[in-house]
Amino acid sequence: MKKLLAVHFAVLLSLLSSSVFAQGILTASSFFKSVSENYATVKDYEADLDIKAGKNNMTGHVSYKSPNLLRIDFSSPEEQVICFNGDLLTIYLPESAAILNQSVDNSSNNGANLATAQGLALLGRYYSPAYETGQEAVPLEEGSEELVVNLILRRRNMTEAFSTIKMSVSQSTMLIRRIEATTPQNEVFTFDFKNYILNNGISDQRFIYDPPTSANNYNNFLFSE
Protein backbone atom coordinates (compact mmCIF):
# COMPACT_ATOMS: atom_id res chain seq x y z
CA MET A 1 0.00 0.00 0.00
CA LYS A 2 2.80 2.44 0.90
CA LYS A 3 4.56 1.66 -2.38
CA LEU A 4 1.32 2.20 -4.30
CA LEU A 5 0.72 5.56 -2.59
CA ALA A 6 4.30 6.57 -3.33
CA VAL A 7 3.83 5.74 -7.03
CA HIS A 8 0.57 7.72 -7.14
CA PHE A 9 2.26 10.66 -5.42
CA ALA A 10 5.15 10.57 -7.89
CA VAL A 11 2.74 10.49 -10.84
CA LEU A 12 0.81 13.43 -9.38
CA LEU A 13 4.00 15.46 -8.95
CA SER A 14 5.00 14.63 -12.49
CA LEU A 15 1.65 15.80 -13.85
CA LEU A 16 1.78 19.01 -11.83
CA SER A 17 5.32 19.71 -12.98
CA SER A 18 4.36 19.11 -16.60
CA SER A 19 1.36 21.40 -16.23
CA VAL A 20 3.44 24.23 -14.77
CA PHE A 21 6.06 23.77 -17.48
CA ALA A 22 3.42 23.87 -20.21
CA GLN A 23 1.92 27.04 -18.79
CA GLY A 24 5.32 28.70 -19.09
CA ILE A 25 5.54 27.93 -22.82
CA LEU A 26 3.95 30.50 -25.13
CA THR A 27 3.93 29.50 -28.77
CA ALA A 28 4.99 32.00 -31.41
CA SER A 29 1.46 32.02 -32.81
CA SER A 30 0.01 32.81 -29.37
CA PHE A 31 2.56 35.56 -28.81
CA PHE A 32 1.80 37.07 -32.22
CA LYS A 33 -1.91 36.93 -31.38
CA SER A 34 -1.22 38.80 -28.10
CA VAL A 35 0.61 41.52 -30.03
CA SER A 36 -2.30 41.80 -32.48
CA GLU A 37 -4.82 42.02 -29.63
CA ASN A 38 -2.74 44.77 -28.03
CA TYR A 39 -2.77 46.82 -31.23
CA ALA A 40 -6.52 46.27 -31.56
CA THR A 41 -6.93 48.39 -28.41
CA VAL A 42 -4.93 51.28 -29.91
CA LYS A 43 -7.19 53.99 -31.32
CA ASP A 44 -4.30 56.11 -32.54
CA TYR A 45 -0.58 56.57 -32.05
CA GLU A 46 2.37 58.74 -32.96
CA ALA A 47 5.99 57.62 -33.08
CA ASP A 48 9.38 58.61 -34.38
CA LEU A 49 10.31 56.48 -37.37
CA ASP A 50 13.65 55.60 -38.95
CA ILE A 51 13.65 53.77 -42.28
CA LYS A 52 16.60 52.06 -43.93
CA ALA A 53 16.36 50.82 -47.50
CA GLY A 54 19.71 49.69 -48.81
CA LYS A 55 22.05 52.67 -48.50
CA ASN A 56 19.18 55.11 -48.09
CA ASN A 57 18.24 56.33 -44.62
CA MET A 58 15.08 58.28 -43.86
CA THR A 59 13.78 59.83 -40.65
CA GLY A 60 10.28 61.00 -39.89
CA HIS A 61 7.28 61.11 -37.60
CA VAL A 62 4.42 58.68 -38.15
CA SER A 63 0.79 59.27 -37.20
CA TYR A 64 -1.80 56.49 -37.29
CA LYS A 65 -5.50 56.43 -36.54
CA SER A 66 -7.64 53.31 -36.54
CA PRO A 67 -8.64 51.68 -38.75
CA ASN A 68 -6.48 52.78 -41.68
CA LEU A 69 -5.36 56.43 -41.58
CA LEU A 70 -1.61 56.89 -41.89
CA ARG A 71 0.74 59.83 -42.35
CA ILE A 72 4.52 60.11 -42.27
CA ASP A 73 6.15 63.55 -42.18
CA PHE A 74 9.85 63.25 -42.97
CA SER A 75 12.65 65.40 -41.63
CA SER A 76 15.06 63.50 -43.90
CA PRO A 77 14.38 63.87 -46.80
CA GLU A 78 13.12 67.21 -45.57
CA GLU A 79 9.45 67.99 -46.28
CA GLN A 80 8.74 64.59 -47.87
CA VAL A 81 5.29 63.29 -46.93
CA ILE A 82 3.41 60.02 -47.25
CA CYS A 83 -0.30 60.27 -46.44
CA PHE A 84 -3.14 57.76 -46.69
CA ASN A 85 -6.64 59.06 -45.92
CA GLY A 86 -8.44 55.74 -46.28
CA ASP A 87 -9.02 56.10 -50.02
CA LEU A 88 -6.10 57.97 -51.55
CA LEU A 89 -2.38 57.40 -51.08
CA THR A 90 -0.37 60.60 -51.64
CA ILE A 91 3.42 60.80 -51.72
CA TYR A 92 5.14 64.17 -52.02
CA LEU A 93 8.75 64.07 -53.24
CA PRO A 94 10.19 67.57 -52.81
CA GLU A 95 13.50 66.79 -54.51
CA SER A 96 11.63 65.84 -57.69
CA ALA A 97 8.82 68.37 -57.22
CA ALA A 98 6.47 65.43 -57.75
CA ILE A 99 3.18 64.38 -56.20
CA LEU A 100 2.29 60.70 -56.58
CA ASN A 101 -1.38 59.82 -56.12
CA GLN A 102 -2.90 56.37 -56.01
CA SER A 103 -6.45 55.29 -55.24
CA VAL A 104 -6.15 52.05 -53.28
CA ASP A 105 -8.37 49.77 -51.23
CA ASN A 106 -5.91 49.85 -48.29
CA SER A 107 -2.34 50.88 -47.51
CA SER A 108 -1.21 47.72 -45.77
CA ASN A 109 1.42 46.92 -48.39
CA ASN A 110 4.07 49.11 -46.77
CA GLY A 111 6.28 48.42 -43.81
CA ALA A 112 5.09 51.32 -41.68
CA ASN A 113 1.49 50.15 -41.81
CA LEU A 114 2.49 46.67 -40.64
CA ALA A 115 2.59 48.20 -37.15
CA THR A 116 -1.20 48.58 -37.03
CA ALA A 117 -4.09 46.32 -36.10
CA GLN A 118 -5.11 46.09 -39.77
CA GLY A 119 -1.58 45.31 -40.91
CA LEU A 120 -1.12 42.64 -38.24
CA ALA A 121 -4.41 41.02 -39.20
CA LEU A 122 -3.16 40.66 -42.78
CA LEU A 123 0.19 39.32 -41.59
CA GLY A 124 -1.58 36.69 -39.52
CA ARG A 125 -3.48 35.61 -42.61
CA TYR A 126 -0.58 35.43 -45.07
CA TYR A 127 2.48 34.72 -42.89
CA SER A 128 3.45 32.00 -40.40
CA PRO A 129 5.18 33.21 -37.20
CA ALA A 130 8.05 31.51 -35.40
CA TYR A 131 10.49 32.61 -32.73
CA GLU A 132 13.89 33.58 -34.06
CA THR A 133 15.69 31.83 -31.17
CA GLY A 134 13.08 31.38 -28.44
CA GLN A 135 10.43 33.13 -26.38
CA GLU A 136 12.93 34.78 -24.04
CA ALA A 137 13.56 38.50 -24.56
CA VAL A 138 16.98 39.49 -25.89
CA PRO A 139 18.73 42.85 -26.46
CA LEU A 140 17.45 44.72 -29.49
CA GLU A 141 21.00 44.79 -30.79
CA GLU A 142 24.48 44.22 -29.44
CA GLY A 143 25.16 46.53 -26.49
CA SER A 144 21.51 47.59 -26.13
CA GLU A 145 19.69 47.42 -22.79
CA GLU A 146 16.33 47.38 -24.57
CA LEU A 147 14.79 43.89 -24.46
CA VAL A 148 12.63 42.52 -27.27
CA VAL A 149 11.10 39.25 -28.38
CA ASN A 150 12.02 38.44 -31.98
CA LEU A 151 9.56 36.78 -34.34
CA ILE A 152 10.28 35.57 -37.86
CA LEU A 153 7.26 35.60 -40.16
CA ARG A 154 7.51 33.54 -43.34
CA ARG A 155 5.08 33.96 -46.22
CA ARG A 156 2.60 31.19 -46.91
CA ASN A 157 2.52 31.79 -50.68
CA MET A 158 4.85 33.23 -53.29
CA THR A 159 2.72 36.27 -54.11
CA GLU A 160 3.57 38.26 -50.97
CA ALA A 161 5.97 41.20 -51.40
CA PHE A 162 8.23 40.11 -48.53
CA SER A 163 9.59 36.59 -48.21
CA THR A 164 10.36 37.03 -44.49
CA ILE A 165 9.61 39.67 -41.88
CA LYS A 166 11.55 39.91 -38.63
CA MET A 167 9.46 41.62 -35.96
CA SER A 168 11.07 42.82 -32.73
CA VAL A 169 8.44 43.39 -30.03
CA SER A 170 9.23 45.36 -26.88
CA GLN A 171 9.03 43.16 -23.81
CA SER A 172 7.77 46.03 -21.64
CA THR A 173 5.11 47.56 -23.92
CA MET A 174 4.19 44.76 -26.36
CA LEU A 175 4.58 47.33 -29.14
CA ILE A 176 6.59 46.76 -32.29
CA ARG A 177 10.03 48.26 -31.93
CA ARG A 178 11.57 47.17 -35.23
CA ILE A 179 10.52 45.53 -38.47
CA GLU A 180 13.02 44.07 -40.93
CA ALA A 181 11.28 43.05 -44.15
CA THR A 182 13.23 41.08 -46.76
CA THR A 183 12.14 40.74 -50.38
CA PRO A 184 12.75 37.64 -52.52
CA GLN A 185 15.63 39.62 -54.10
CA ASN A 186 17.22 39.93 -50.61
CA GLU A 187 16.50 43.65 -50.37
CA VAL A 188 16.05 44.59 -46.72
CA PHE A 189 13.78 47.37 -45.47
CA THR A 190 14.11 48.28 -41.79
CA PHE A 191 11.54 50.30 -39.84
CA ASP A 192 12.43 51.50 -36.33
CA PHE A 193 9.60 52.84 -34.15
CA LYS A 194 10.52 54.92 -31.08
CA ASN A 195 8.86 57.23 -28.56
CA TYR A 196 5.29 56.01 -28.98
CA ILE A 197 2.40 58.23 -27.86
CA LEU A 198 -0.81 56.20 -27.63
CA ASN A 199 -4.48 57.19 -27.77
CA ASN A 200 -3.92 60.94 -27.77
CA GLY A 201 -7.07 61.73 -29.74
CA ILE A 202 -5.56 62.50 -33.14
CA SER A 203 -7.96 64.44 -35.36
CA ASP A 204 -8.95 63.20 -38.82
CA GLN A 205 -7.76 66.58 -40.10
CA ARG A 206 -4.16 65.44 -39.72
CA PHE A 207 -4.68 63.02 -42.58
CA ILE A 208 -5.83 65.69 -44.99
CA TYR A 209 -2.72 66.73 -46.90
CA ASP A 210 -2.51 69.56 -49.41
CA PRO A 211 0.77 69.25 -51.33
CA PRO A 212 2.39 72.26 -53.01
CA THR A 213 0.50 73.39 -56.11
CA SER A 214 3.78 73.96 -57.95
CA ALA A 215 4.64 70.23 -57.99
CA ASN A 216 3.78 67.91 -60.86
CA ASN A 217 1.00 65.38 -60.29
CA TYR A 218 1.29 61.74 -61.31
CA ASN A 219 -1.91 59.77 -60.79
CA ASN A 220 -2.26 56.00 -60.43
CA PHE A 221 1.52 55.71 -60.45
CA LEU A 222 1.51 52.15 -59.11
CA PHE A 223 -0.16 50.84 -62.25
CA SER A 224 1.30 53.16 -64.88
CA GLU A 225 3.45 51.62 -67.59
C-alpha atoms as a PDB file:
ATOM      1  CA  MET A   1       0.000   0.000   0.000  1.00  0.00           C
ATOM      2  CA  LYS A   2       2.798   2.440   0.901  1.00  0.00           C
ATOM      3  CA  LYS A   3       4.564   1.656  -2.383  1.00  0.00           C
ATOM      4  CA  LEU A   4       1.321   2.196  -4.296  1.00  0.00           C
ATOM      5  CA  LEU A   5       0.717   5.559  -2.592  1.00  0.00           C
ATOM      6  CA  ALA A   6       4.304   6.570  -3.334  1.00  0.00           C
ATOM      7  CA  VAL A   7       3.829   5.738  -7.025  1.00  0.00           C
ATOM      8  CA  HIS A   8       0.570   7.724  -7.140  1.00  0.00           C
ATOM      9  CA  PHE A   9       2.264  10.657  -5.418  1.00  0.00           C
ATOM     10  CA  ALA A  10       5.151  10.569  -7.885  1.00  0.00           C
ATOM     11  CA  VAL A  11       2.743  10.493 -10.837  1.00  0.00           C
ATOM     12  CA  LEU A  12       0.812  13.434  -9.376  1.00  0.00           C
ATOM     13  CA  LEU A  13       4.000  15.460  -8.947  1.00  0.00           C
ATOM     14  CA  SER A  14       4.997  14.626 -12.486  1.00  0.00           C
ATOM     15  CA  LEU A  15       1.646  15.801 -13.851  1.00  0.00           C
ATOM     16  CA  LEU A  16       1.783  19.010 -11.830  1.00  0.00           C
ATOM     17  CA  SER A  17       5.324  19.705 -12.983  1.00  0.00           C
ATOM     18  CA  SER A  18       4.356  19.109 -16.601  1.00  0.00           C
ATOM     19  CA  SER A  19       1.356  21.402 -16.226  1.00  0.00           C
ATOM     20  CA  VAL A  20       3.443  24.232 -14.768  1.00  0.00           C
ATOM     21  CA  PHE A  21       6.062  23.775 -17.481  1.00  0.00           C
ATOM     22  CA  ALA A  22       3.424  23.866 -20.212  1.00  0.00           C
ATOM     23  CA  GLN A  23       1.916  27.039 -18.794  1.00  0.00           C
ATOM     24  CA  GLY A  24       5.318  28.698 -19.095  1.00  0.00           C
ATOM     25  CA  ILE A  25       5.539  27.929 -22.823  1.00  0.00           C
ATOM     26  CA  LEU A  26       3.952  30.505 -25.131  1.00  0.00           C
ATOM     27  CA  THR A  27       3.932  29.497 -28.766  1.00  0.00           C
ATOM     28  CA  ALA A  28       4.989  32.000 -31.411  1.00  0.00           C
ATOM     29  CA  SER A  29       1.456  32.016 -32.815  1.00  0.00           C
ATOM     30  CA  SER A  30       0.015  32.806 -29.371  1.00  0.00           C
ATOM     31  CA  PHE A  31       2.560  35.560 -28.811  1.00  0.00           C
ATOM     32  CA  PHE A  32       1.802  37.073 -32.216  1.00  0.00           C
ATOM     33  CA  LYS A  33      -1.911  36.934 -31.377  1.00  0.00           C
ATOM     34  CA  SER A  34      -1.222  38.802 -28.104  1.00  0.00           C
ATOM     35  CA  VAL A  35       0.606  41.524 -30.028  1.00  0.00           C
ATOM     36  CA  SER A  36      -2.299  41.796 -32.481  1.00  0.00           C
ATOM     37  CA  GLU A  37      -4.817  42.021 -29.632  1.00  0.00           C
ATOM     38  CA  ASN A  38      -2.736  44.766 -28.029  1.00  0.00           C
ATOM     39  CA  TYR A  39      -2.770  46.817 -31.227  1.00  0.00           C
ATOM     40  CA  ALA A  40      -6.517  46.266 -31.560  1.00  0.00           C
ATOM     41  CA  THR A  41      -6.929  48.390 -28.405  1.00  0.00           C
ATOM     42  CA  VAL A  42      -4.930  51.278 -29.909  1.00  0.00           C
ATOM     43  CA  LYS A  43      -7.191  53.992 -31.323  1.00  0.00           C
ATOM     44  CA  ASP A  44      -4.295  56.113 -32.542  1.00  0.00           C
ATOM     45  CA  TYR A  45      -0.580  56.574 -32.052  1.00  0.00           C
ATOM     46  CA  GLU A  46       2.374  58.742 -32.959  1.00  0.00           C
ATOM     47  CA  ALA A  47       5.992  57.622 -33.076  1.00  0.00           C
ATOM     48  CA  ASP A  48       9.380  58.613 -34.378  1.00  0.00           C
ATOM     49  CA  LEU A  49      10.311  56.484 -37.366  1.00  0.00           C
ATOM     50  CA  ASP A  50      13.649  55.601 -38.954  1.00  0.00           C
ATOM     51  CA  ILE A  51      13.647  53.768 -42.277  1.00  0.00           C
ATOM     52  CA  LYS A  52      16.600  52.064 -43.933  1.00  0.00           C
ATOM     53  CA  ALA A  53      16.364  50.816 -47.499  1.00  0.00           C
ATOM     54  CA  GLY A  54      19.708  49.686 -48.815  1.00  0.00           C
ATOM     55  CA  LYS A  55      22.054  52.667 -48.504  1.00  0.00           C
ATOM     56  CA  ASN A  56      19.177  55.109 -48.091  1.00  0.00           C
ATOM     57  CA  ASN A  57      18.243  56.328 -44.616  1.00  0.00           C
ATOM     58  CA  MET A  58      15.079  58.279 -43.858  1.00  0.00           C
ATOM     59  CA  THR A  59      13.779  59.826 -40.649  1.00  0.00           C
ATOM     60  CA  GLY A  60      10.277  61.003 -39.894  1.00  0.00           C
ATOM     61  CA  HIS A  61       7.278  61.109 -37.597  1.00  0.00           C
ATOM     62  CA  VAL A  62       4.418  58.680 -38.146  1.00  0.00           C
ATOM     63  CA  SER A  63       0.787  59.273 -37.195  1.00  0.00           C
ATOM     64  CA  TYR A  64      -1.797  56.492 -37.289  1.00  0.00           C
ATOM     65  CA  LYS A  65      -5.499  56.429 -36.536  1.00  0.00           C
ATOM     66  CA  SER A  66      -7.636  53.307 -36.535  1.00  0.00           C
ATOM     67  CA  PRO A  67      -8.642  51.675 -38.747  1.00  0.00           C
ATOM     68  CA  ASN A  68      -6.480  52.784 -41.679  1.00  0.00           C
ATOM     69  CA  LEU A  69      -5.364  56.429 -41.584  1.00  0.00           C
ATOM     70  CA  LEU A  70      -1.610  56.890 -41.886  1.00  0.00           C
ATOM     71  CA  ARG A  71       0.743  59.831 -42.346  1.00  0.00           C
ATOM     72  CA  ILE A  72       4.524  60.113 -42.268  1.00  0.00           C
ATOM     73  CA  ASP A  73       6.153  63.547 -42.181  1.00  0.00           C
ATOM     74  CA  PHE A  74       9.847  63.247 -42.970  1.00  0.00           C
ATOM     75  CA  SER A  75      12.651  65.398 -41.633  1.00  0.00           C
ATOM     76  CA  SER A  76      15.059  63.501 -43.896  1.00  0.00           C
ATOM     77  CA  PRO A  77      14.381  63.868 -46.799  1.00  0.00           C
ATOM     78  CA  GLU A  78      13.116  67.212 -45.574  1.00  0.00           C
ATOM     79  CA  GLU A  79       9.450  67.990 -46.283  1.00  0.00           C
ATOM     80  CA  GLN A  80       8.744  64.587 -47.871  1.00  0.00           C
ATOM     81  CA  VAL A  81       5.290  63.291 -46.930  1.00  0.00           C
ATOM     82  CA  ILE A  82       3.405  60.022 -47.248  1.00  0.00           C
ATOM     83  CA  CYS A  83      -0.298  60.266 -46.437  1.00  0.00           C
ATOM     84  CA  PHE A  84      -3.141  57.762 -46.692  1.00  0.00           C
ATOM     85  CA  ASN A  85      -6.640  59.057 -45.916  1.00  0.00           C
ATOM     86  CA  GLY A  86      -8.441  55.741 -46.283  1.00  0.00           C
ATOM     87  CA  ASP A  87      -9.018  56.096 -50.018  1.00  0.00           C
ATOM     88  CA  LEU A  88      -6.097  57.971 -51.553  1.00  0.00           C
ATOM     89  CA  LEU A  89      -2.378  57.402 -51.081  1.00  0.00           C
ATOM     90  CA  THR A  90      -0.368  60.604 -51.644  1.00  0.00           C
ATOM     91  CA  ILE A  91       3.421  60.805 -51.719  1.00  0.00           C
ATOM     92  CA  TYR A  92       5.140  64.173 -52.017  1.00  0.00           C
ATOM     93  CA  LEU A  93       8.748  64.067 -53.238  1.00  0.00           C
ATOM     94  CA  PRO A  94      10.195  67.572 -52.806  1.00  0.00           C
ATOM     95  CA  GLU A  95      13.501  66.792 -54.510  1.00  0.00           C
ATOM     96  CA  SER A  96      11.631  65.841 -57.688  1.00  0.00           C
ATOM     97  CA  ALA A  97       8.823  68.368 -57.223  1.00  0.00           C
ATOM     98  CA  ALA A  98       6.473  65.428 -57.751  1.00  0.00           C
ATOM     99  CA  ILE A  99       3.177  64.376 -56.204  1.00  0.00           C
ATOM    100  CA  LEU A 100       2.289  60.698 -56.581  1.00  0.00           C
ATOM    101  CA  ASN A 101      -1.377  59.824 -56.117  1.00  0.00           C
ATOM    102  CA  GLN A 102      -2.897  56.370 -56.013  1.00  0.00           C
ATOM    103  CA  SER A 103      -6.447  55.286 -55.240  1.00  0.00           C
ATOM    104  CA  VAL A 104      -6.153  52.047 -53.276  1.00  0.00           C
ATOM    105  CA  ASP A 105      -8.374  49.766 -51.229  1.00  0.00           C
ATOM    106  CA  ASN A 106      -5.914  49.849 -48.291  1.00  0.00           C
ATOM    107  CA  SER A 107      -2.344  50.881 -47.512  1.00  0.00           C
ATOM    108  CA  SER A 108      -1.210  47.715 -45.774  1.00  0.00           C
ATOM    109  CA  ASN A 109       1.425  46.916 -48.385  1.00  0.00           C
ATOM    110  CA  ASN A 110       4.069  49.113 -46.768  1.00  0.00           C
ATOM    111  CA  GLY A 111       6.280  48.420 -43.807  1.00  0.00           C
ATOM    112  CA  ALA A 112       5.092  51.320 -41.677  1.00  0.00           C
ATOM    113  CA  ASN A 113       1.494  50.151 -41.808  1.00  0.00           C
ATOM    114  CA  LEU A 114       2.489  46.675 -40.640  1.00  0.00           C
ATOM    115  CA  ALA A 115       2.586  48.199 -37.150  1.00  0.00           C
ATOM    116  CA  THR A 116      -1.201  48.579 -37.030  1.00  0.00           C
ATOM    117  CA  ALA A 117      -4.086  46.321 -36.101  1.00  0.00           C
ATOM    118  CA  GLN A 118      -5.110  46.089 -39.766  1.00  0.00           C
ATOM    119  CA  GLY A 119      -1.577  45.306 -40.908  1.00  0.00           C
ATOM    120  CA  LEU A 120      -1.123  42.641 -38.239  1.00  0.00           C
ATOM    121  CA  ALA A 121      -4.409  41.017 -39.203  1.00  0.00           C
ATOM    122  CA  LEU A 122      -3.157  40.661 -42.780  1.00  0.00           C
ATOM    123  CA  LEU A 123       0.193  39.321 -41.592  1.00  0.00           C
ATOM    124  CA  GLY A 124      -1.576  36.692 -39.520  1.00  0.00           C
ATOM    125  CA  ARG A 125      -3.477  35.613 -42.610  1.00  0.00           C
ATOM    126  CA  TYR A 126      -0.580  35.434 -45.065  1.00  0.00           C
ATOM    127  CA  TYR A 127       2.480  34.715 -42.889  1.00  0.00           C
ATOM    128  CA  SER A 128       3.454  32.003 -40.404  1.00  0.00           C
ATOM    129  CA  PRO A 129       5.177  33.215 -37.197  1.00  0.00           C
ATOM    130  CA  ALA A 130       8.051  31.507 -35.400  1.00  0.00           C
ATOM    131  CA  TYR A 131      10.492  32.609 -32.729  1.00  0.00           C
ATOM    132  CA  GLU A 132      13.894  33.578 -34.057  1.00  0.00           C
ATOM    133  CA  THR A 133      15.694  31.834 -31.171  1.00  0.00           C
ATOM    134  CA  GLY A 134      13.077  31.375 -28.443  1.00  0.00           C
ATOM    135  CA  GLN A 135      10.431  33.128 -26.384  1.00  0.00           C
ATOM    136  CA  GLU A 136      12.930  34.775 -24.038  1.00  0.00           C
ATOM    137  CA  ALA A 137      13.555  38.495 -24.555  1.00  0.00           C
ATOM    138  CA  VAL A 138      16.978  39.487 -25.892  1.00  0.00           C
ATOM    139  CA  PRO A 139      18.731  42.846 -26.459  1.00  0.00           C
ATOM    140  CA  LEU A 140      17.445  44.723 -29.492  1.00  0.00           C
ATOM    141  CA  GLU A 141      21.004  44.786 -30.792  1.00  0.00           C
ATOM    142  CA  GLU A 142      24.481  44.221 -29.438  1.00  0.00           C
ATOM    143  CA  GLY A 143      25.162  46.526 -26.494  1.00  0.00           C
ATOM    144  CA  SER A 144      21.512  47.587 -26.134  1.00  0.00           C
ATOM    145  CA  GLU A 145      19.692  47.421 -22.794  1.00  0.00           C
ATOM    146  CA  GLU A 146      16.331  47.376 -24.565  1.00  0.00           C
ATOM    147  CA  LEU A 147      14.793  43.893 -24.462  1.00  0.00           C
ATOM    148  CA  VAL A 148      12.631  42.519 -27.270  1.00  0.00           C
ATOM    149  CA  VAL A 149      11.105  39.250 -28.380  1.00  0.00           C
ATOM    150  CA  ASN A 150      12.015  38.443 -31.981  1.00  0.00           C
ATOM    151  CA  LEU A 151       9.560  36.775 -34.339  1.00  0.00           C
ATOM    152  CA  ILE A 152      10.284  35.566 -37.856  1.00  0.00           C
ATOM    153  CA  LEU A 153       7.260  35.596 -40.161  1.00  0.00           C
ATOM    154  CA  ARG A 154       7.507  33.542 -43.342  1.00  0.00           C
ATOM    155  CA  ARG A 155       5.083  33.965 -46.225  1.00  0.00           C
ATOM    156  CA  ARG A 156       2.602  31.192 -46.914  1.00  0.00           C
ATOM    157  CA  ASN A 157       2.521  31.791 -50.678  1.00  0.00           C
ATOM    158  CA  MET A 158       4.850  33.229 -53.286  1.00  0.00           C
ATOM    159  CA  THR A 159       2.716  36.270 -54.109  1.00  0.00           C
ATOM    160  CA  GLU A 160       3.567  38.261 -50.972  1.00  0.00           C
ATOM    161  CA  ALA A 161       5.967  41.198 -51.403  1.00  0.00           C
ATOM    162  CA  PHE A 162       8.227  40.109 -48.533  1.00  0.00           C
ATOM    163  CA  SER A 163       9.588  36.590 -48.212  1.00  0.00           C
ATOM    164  CA  THR A 164      10.360  37.027 -44.487  1.00  0.00           C
ATOM    165  CA  ILE A 165       9.614  39.667 -41.877  1.00  0.00           C
ATOM    166  CA  LYS A 166      11.551  39.912 -38.634  1.00  0.00           C
ATOM    167  CA  MET A 167       9.464  41.618 -35.961  1.00  0.00           C
ATOM    168  CA  SER A 168      11.066  42.820 -32.726  1.00  0.00           C
ATOM    169  CA  VAL A 169       8.439  43.390 -30.027  1.00  0.00           C
ATOM    170  CA  SER A 170       9.229  45.363 -26.883  1.00  0.00           C
ATOM    171  CA  GLN A 171       9.031  43.163 -23.806  1.00  0.00           C
ATOM    172  CA  SER A 172       7.768  46.025 -21.638  1.00  0.00           C
ATOM    173  CA  THR A 173       5.109  47.559 -23.916  1.00  0.00           C
ATOM    174  CA  MET A 174       4.190  44.761 -26.359  1.00  0.00           C
ATOM    175  CA  LEU A 175       4.579  47.331 -29.139  1.00  0.00           C
ATOM    176  CA  ILE A 176       6.588  46.759 -32.294  1.00  0.00           C
ATOM    177  CA  ARG A 177      10.025  48.258 -31.927  1.00  0.00           C
ATOM    178  CA  ARG A 178      11.569  47.174 -35.226  1.00  0.00           C
ATOM    179  CA  ILE A 179      10.515  45.527 -38.474  1.00  0.00           C
ATOM    180  CA  GLU A 180      13.018  44.065 -40.931  1.00  0.00           C
ATOM    181  CA  ALA A 181      11.277  43.052 -44.146  1.00  0.00           C
ATOM    182  CA  THR A 182      13.228  41.083 -46.758  1.00  0.00           C
ATOM    183  CA  THR A 183      12.144  40.744 -50.376  1.00  0.00           C
ATOM    184  CA  PRO A 184      12.745  37.642 -52.516  1.00  0.00           C
ATOM    185  CA  GLN A 185      15.630  39.615 -54.095  1.00  0.00           C
ATOM    186  CA  ASN A 186      17.217  39.925 -50.611  1.00  0.00           C
ATOM    187  CA  GLU A 187      16.497  43.646 -50.374  1.00  0.00           C
ATOM    188  CA  VAL A 188      16.047  44.588 -46.717  1.00  0.00           C
ATOM    189  CA  PHE A 189      13.781  47.374 -45.465  1.00  0.00           C
ATOM    190  CA  THR A 190      14.112  48.282 -41.786  1.00  0.00           C
ATOM    191  CA  PHE A 191      11.544  50.302 -39.836  1.00  0.00           C
ATOM    192  CA  ASP A 192      12.429  51.498 -36.327  1.00  0.00           C
ATOM    193  CA  PHE A 193       9.598  52.836 -34.149  1.00  0.00           C
ATOM    194  CA  LYS A 194      10.517  54.916 -31.084  1.00  0.00           C
ATOM    195  CA  ASN A 195       8.864  57.232 -28.560  1.00  0.00           C
ATOM    196  CA  TYR A 196       5.291  56.013 -28.979  1.00  0.00           C
ATOM    197  CA  ILE A 197       2.405  58.228 -27.863  1.00  0.00           C
ATOM    198  CA  LEU A 198      -0.808  56.202 -27.630  1.00  0.00           C
ATOM    199  CA  ASN A 199      -4.483  57.187 -27.769  1.00  0.00           C
ATOM    200  CA  ASN A 200      -3.922  60.940 -27.767  1.00  0.00           C
ATOM    201  CA  GLY A 201      -7.074  61.731 -29.742  1.00  0.00           C
ATOM    202  CA  ILE A 202      -5.561  62.500 -33.139  1.00  0.00           C
ATOM    203  CA  SER A 203      -7.956  64.435 -35.365  1.00  0.00           C
ATOM    204  CA  ASP A 204      -8.951  63.201 -38.820  1.00  0.00           C
ATOM    205  CA  GLN A 205      -7.763  66.580 -40.103  1.00  0.00           C
ATOM    206  CA  ARG A 206      -4.158  65.438 -39.720  1.00  0.00           C
ATOM    207  CA  PHE A 207      -4.676  63.019 -42.579  1.00  0.00           C
ATOM    208  CA  ILE A 208      -5.829  65.691 -44.993  1.00  0.00           C
ATOM    209  CA  TYR A 209      -2.724  66.726 -46.900  1.00  0.00           C
ATOM    210  CA  ASP A 210      -2.509  69.562 -49.410  1.00  0.00           C
ATOM    211  CA  PRO A 211       0.766  69.254 -51.327  1.00  0.00           C
ATOM    212  CA  PRO A 212       2.387  72.262 -53.010  1.00  0.00           C
ATOM    213  CA  THR A 213       0.497  73.389 -56.112  1.00  0.00           C
ATOM    214  CA  SER A 214       3.781  73.963 -57.953  1.00  0.00           C
ATOM    215  CA  ALA A 215       4.638  70.233 -57.987  1.00  0.00           C
ATOM    216  CA  ASN A 216       3.776  67.912 -60.859  1.00  0.00           C
ATOM    217  CA  ASN A 217       0.999  65.381 -60.294  1.00  0.00           C
ATOM    218  CA  TYR A 218       1.293  61.737 -61.312  1.00  0.00           C
ATOM    219  CA  ASN A 219      -1.907  59.774 -60.793  1.00  0.00           C
ATOM    220  CA  ASN A 220      -2.262  56.000 -60.433  1.00  0.00           C
ATOM    221  CA  PHE A 221       1.516  55.715 -60.450  1.00  0.00           C
ATOM    222  CA  LEU A 222       1.514  52.147 -59.112  1.00  0.00           C
ATOM    223  CA  PHE A 223      -0.156  50.837 -62.246  1.00  0.00           C
ATOM    224  CA  SER A 224       1.299  53.161 -64.878  1.00  0.00           C
ATOM    225  CA  GLU A 225       3.449  51.621 -67.593  1.00  0.00           C
END
